[in-house]
Amino acid sequence: MGNMVEDLGSVIKKGFNTWKANLCISLPILFSSIITAIVALIIIGSAILAAVPSLPVIFHIEVGHFYRKRKHM
């Protein structure tokens, strides 16, 4: 048996050349992944923005408590 060791650079180059030769197959998957990531970021960002105004209510935080001076009677 011969030595089956192959350089990582040649493996990556062969893989990229194969990917480049089959762009009609790989591009839709790549675009789908990018679009899915963008939509996921929009959904997560929307959920965070929707939750932020209600966070003081959830945690019973008095907004402006540290900035308001209380009057002692």
N, C-alpha and C. Protein backbone atom coordinates (compact mmCIF):
# COMPACT_ATOMS: atom_id res chain seq x y z
N MET A 1 0.83 -1.19 0.00
CA MET A 1 0.00 0.00 0.00
C MET A 1 0.87 1.24 0.00
N GLY A 2 0.43 2.22 -0.74
CA GLY A 2 1.16 3.47 -0.81
C GLY A 2 0.76 4.41 0.31
N ASN A 3 1.44 5.49 0.37
CA ASN A 3 1.15 6.50 1.38
C ASN A 3 -0.10 7.28 0.93
N MET A 4 -1.14 7.31 1.78
CA MET A 4 -2.42 7.93 1.43
C MET A 4 -2.54 9.36 1.97
N VAL A 5 -1.43 9.97 2.32
CA VAL A 5 -1.45 11.32 2.88
C VAL A 5 -1.55 12.33 1.73
N GLU A 6 -2.46 13.28 1.89
CA GLU A 6 -2.63 14.32 0.88
C GLU A 6 -2.58 15.68 1.57
N ASP A 7 -1.98 16.63 0.92
CA ASP A 7 -1.84 17.97 1.47
C ASP A 7 -3.22 18.63 1.57
N LEU A 8 -3.45 19.36 2.67
CA LEU A 8 -4.73 20.03 2.88
C LEU A 8 -5.02 21.04 1.78
N GLY A 9 -4.01 21.73 1.33
CA GLY A 9 -4.20 22.71 0.25
C GLY A 9 -4.69 22.07 -1.04
N SER A 10 -4.15 20.89 -1.36
CA SER A 10 -4.60 20.22 -2.59
C SER A 10 -6.02 19.69 -2.43
N VAL A 11 -6.39 19.26 -1.23
CA VAL A 11 -7.77 18.81 -1.00
C VAL A 11 -8.73 19.97 -1.17
N ILE A 12 -8.39 21.12 -0.60
CA ILE A 12 -9.25 22.30 -0.72
C ILE A 12 -9.33 22.75 -2.18
N LYS A 13 -8.19 22.73 -2.88
CA LYS A 13 -8.18 23.16 -4.29
C LYS A 13 -9.04 22.23 -5.14
N LYS A 14 -8.92 20.92 -4.93
CA LYS A 14 -9.75 19.97 -5.69
C LYS A 14 -11.22 20.16 -5.37
N GLY A 15 -11.52 20.37 -4.09
CA GLY A 15 -12.92 20.59 -3.70
C GLY A 15 -13.49 21.86 -4.31
N PHE A 16 -12.69 22.93 -4.31
CA PHE A 16 -13.15 24.19 -4.90
C PHE A 16 -13.32 24.05 -6.40
N ASN A 17 -12.41 23.35 -7.06
CA ASN A 17 -12.54 23.14 -8.51
C ASN A 17 -13.78 22.33 -8.83
N THR A 18 -14.08 21.33 -8.01
CA THR A 18 -15.31 20.55 -8.21
C THR A 18 -16.53 21.43 -8.00
N TRP A 19 -16.51 22.26 -6.95
CA TRP A 19 -17.62 23.16 -6.66
C TRP A 19 -17.81 24.15 -7.80
N LYS A 20 -16.69 24.68 -8.34
CA LYS A 20 -16.74 25.64 -9.43
C LYS A 20 -17.30 25.01 -10.70
N ALA A 21 -16.98 23.73 -10.91
CA ALA A 21 -17.48 23.05 -12.11
C ALA A 21 -18.98 22.77 -12.01
N ASN A 22 -19.52 22.72 -10.80
CA ASN A 22 -20.94 22.40 -10.60
C ASN A 22 -21.69 23.59 -10.01
N LEU A 23 -21.42 24.79 -10.51
CA LEU A 23 -22.06 25.98 -9.97
C LEU A 23 -23.58 25.95 -10.11
N CYS A 24 -24.08 25.34 -11.17
CA CYS A 24 -25.53 25.31 -11.37
C CYS A 24 -26.22 24.51 -10.26
N ILE A 25 -25.49 23.62 -9.62
CA ILE A 25 -26.04 22.85 -8.50
C ILE A 25 -25.80 23.56 -7.18
N SER A 26 -24.63 24.15 -7.02
CA SER A 26 -24.25 24.69 -5.72
C SER A 26 -24.75 26.11 -5.45
N LEU A 27 -24.93 26.93 -6.47
CA LEU A 27 -25.37 28.30 -6.23
C LEU A 27 -26.76 28.41 -5.61
N PRO A 28 -27.75 27.66 -6.05
CA PRO A 28 -29.04 27.76 -5.38
C PRO A 28 -28.97 27.41 -3.89
N ILE A 29 -28.16 26.43 -3.54
CA ILE A 29 -28.00 26.06 -2.14
C ILE A 29 -27.31 27.19 -1.38
N LEU A 30 -26.30 27.79 -1.98
CA LEU A 30 -25.59 28.90 -1.35
C LEU A 30 -26.52 30.10 -1.17
N PHE A 31 -27.26 30.47 -2.20
CA PHE A 31 -28.20 31.59 -2.10
C PHE A 31 -29.29 31.31 -1.08
N SER A 32 -29.78 30.08 -1.05
CA SER A 32 -30.80 29.71 -0.07
C SER A 32 -30.27 29.85 1.35
N SER A 33 -29.04 29.45 1.56
CA SER A 33 -28.43 29.57 2.89
C SER A 33 -28.27 31.03 3.29
N ILE A 34 -27.85 31.87 2.36
CA ILE A 34 -27.69 33.29 2.65
C ILE A 34 -29.03 33.94 2.95
N ILE A 35 -30.04 33.64 2.15
CA ILE A 35 -31.37 34.21 2.38
C ILE A 35 -31.94 33.73 3.70
N THR A 36 -31.74 32.45 4.03
CA THR A 36 -32.22 31.92 5.30
C THR A 36 -31.55 32.64 6.47
N ALA A 37 -30.25 32.89 6.36
CA ALA A 37 -29.54 33.60 7.43
C ALA A 37 -30.05 35.03 7.58
N ILE A 38 -30.30 35.71 6.47
CA ILE A 38 -30.81 37.09 6.53
C ILE A 38 -32.20 37.12 7.15
N VAL A 39 -33.07 36.21 6.74
CA VAL A 39 -34.42 36.16 7.31
C VAL A 39 -34.37 35.83 8.79
N ALA A 40 -33.49 34.92 9.19
CA ALA A 40 -33.35 34.58 10.60
C ALA A 40 -32.90 35.79 11.41
N LEU A 41 -31.95 36.57 10.87
CA LEU A 41 -31.50 37.78 11.57
C LEU A 41 -32.63 38.79 11.70
N ILE A 42 -33.44 38.93 10.66
CA ILE A 42 -34.56 39.86 10.72
C ILE A 42 -35.57 39.42 11.77
N ILE A 43 -35.87 38.13 11.81
CA ILE A 43 -36.84 37.62 12.78
C ILE A 43 -36.32 37.77 14.20
N ILE A 44 -35.06 37.42 14.43
CA ILE A 44 -34.48 37.54 15.77
C ILE A 44 -34.40 39.01 16.18
N GLY A 45 -33.99 39.88 15.26
CA GLY A 45 -33.93 41.30 15.56
C GLY A 45 -35.30 41.88 15.87
N SER A 46 -36.32 41.46 15.13
CA SER A 46 -37.68 41.93 15.39
C SER A 46 -38.17 41.46 16.74
N ALA A 47 -37.86 40.23 17.09
CA ALA A 47 -38.27 39.70 18.40
C ALA A 47 -37.59 40.46 19.53
N ILE A 48 -36.32 40.79 19.35
CA ILE A 48 -35.61 41.55 20.39
C ILE A 48 -36.19 42.96 20.50
N LEU A 49 -36.44 43.60 19.36
CA LEU A 49 -37.01 44.95 19.40
C LEU A 49 -38.41 44.96 19.99
N ALA A 50 -39.17 43.91 19.74
CA ALA A 50 -40.51 43.83 20.31
C ALA A 50 -40.46 43.56 21.80
N ALA A 51 -39.43 42.86 22.27
CA ALA A 51 -39.35 42.50 23.68
C ALA A 51 -38.74 43.61 24.53
N VAL A 52 -37.91 44.47 23.96
CA VAL A 52 -37.20 45.48 24.75
C VAL A 52 -38.14 46.44 25.47
N PRO A 53 -39.17 46.99 24.85
CA PRO A 53 -40.05 47.89 25.60
C PRO A 53 -40.77 47.20 26.76
N SER A 54 -40.98 45.91 26.68
CA SER A 54 -41.70 45.22 27.74
C SER A 54 -40.77 44.65 28.80
N LEU A 55 -39.46 44.75 28.62
CA LEU A 55 -38.53 44.21 29.62
C LEU A 55 -38.68 44.87 30.99
N PRO A 56 -38.83 46.20 31.09
CA PRO A 56 -39.02 46.77 32.43
C PRO A 56 -40.26 46.23 33.13
N VAL A 57 -41.31 45.96 32.39
CA VAL A 57 -42.53 45.42 32.99
C VAL A 57 -42.31 44.00 33.47
N ILE A 58 -41.62 43.20 32.66
CA ILE A 58 -41.38 41.80 33.02
C ILE A 58 -40.55 41.70 34.29
N PHE A 59 -39.51 42.51 34.39
CA PHE A 59 -38.59 42.41 35.52
C PHE A 59 -38.93 43.40 36.64
N HIS A 60 -40.05 44.09 36.54
CA HIS A 60 -40.51 45.05 37.55
C HIS A 60 -39.45 46.12 37.83
N ILE A 61 -38.89 46.64 36.77
CA ILE A 61 -37.89 47.69 36.88
C ILE A 61 -38.60 49.03 36.74
N GLU A 62 -38.33 49.92 37.66
CA GLU A 62 -38.91 51.24 37.57
C GLU A 62 -38.02 52.08 36.67
N VAL A 63 -38.53 52.44 35.53
CA VAL A 63 -37.74 53.19 34.55
C VAL A 63 -37.49 54.59 35.10
N GLY A 64 -36.25 55.03 35.05
CA GLY A 64 -35.89 56.35 35.53
C GLY A 64 -35.73 56.43 37.03
N HIS A 65 -35.72 55.31 37.72
CA HIS A 65 -35.64 55.30 39.17
C HIS A 65 -34.36 55.98 39.67
N PHE A 66 -33.27 55.78 39.00
CA PHE A 66 -32.00 56.32 39.46
C PHE A 66 -31.83 57.79 39.10
N TYR A 67 -32.66 58.29 38.22
CA TYR A 67 -32.51 59.67 37.78
C TYR A 67 -33.49 60.61 38.48
N ARG A 68 -34.53 60.06 39.06
CA ARG A 68 -35.54 60.86 39.72
C ARG A 68 -35.19 61.03 41.19
N LYS A 69 -35.33 62.22 41.68
CA LYS A 69 -35.12 62.43 43.11
C LYS A 69 -36.47 62.31 43.80
N ARG A 70 -36.50 61.54 44.85
CA ARG A 70 -37.75 61.39 45.59
C ARG A 70 -37.84 62.49 46.65
N LYS A 71 -39.04 62.96 46.84
CA LYS A 71 -39.26 63.98 47.86
C LYS A 71 -39.52 63.28 49.19
N HIS A 72 -38.80 63.70 50.19
CA HIS A 72 -39.03 63.15 51.53
C HIS A 72 -40.04 64.01 52.24
N MET A 73 -41.03 63.39 52.82
CA MET A 73 -42.06 64.15 53.50
C MET A 73 -41.98 63.94 54.97
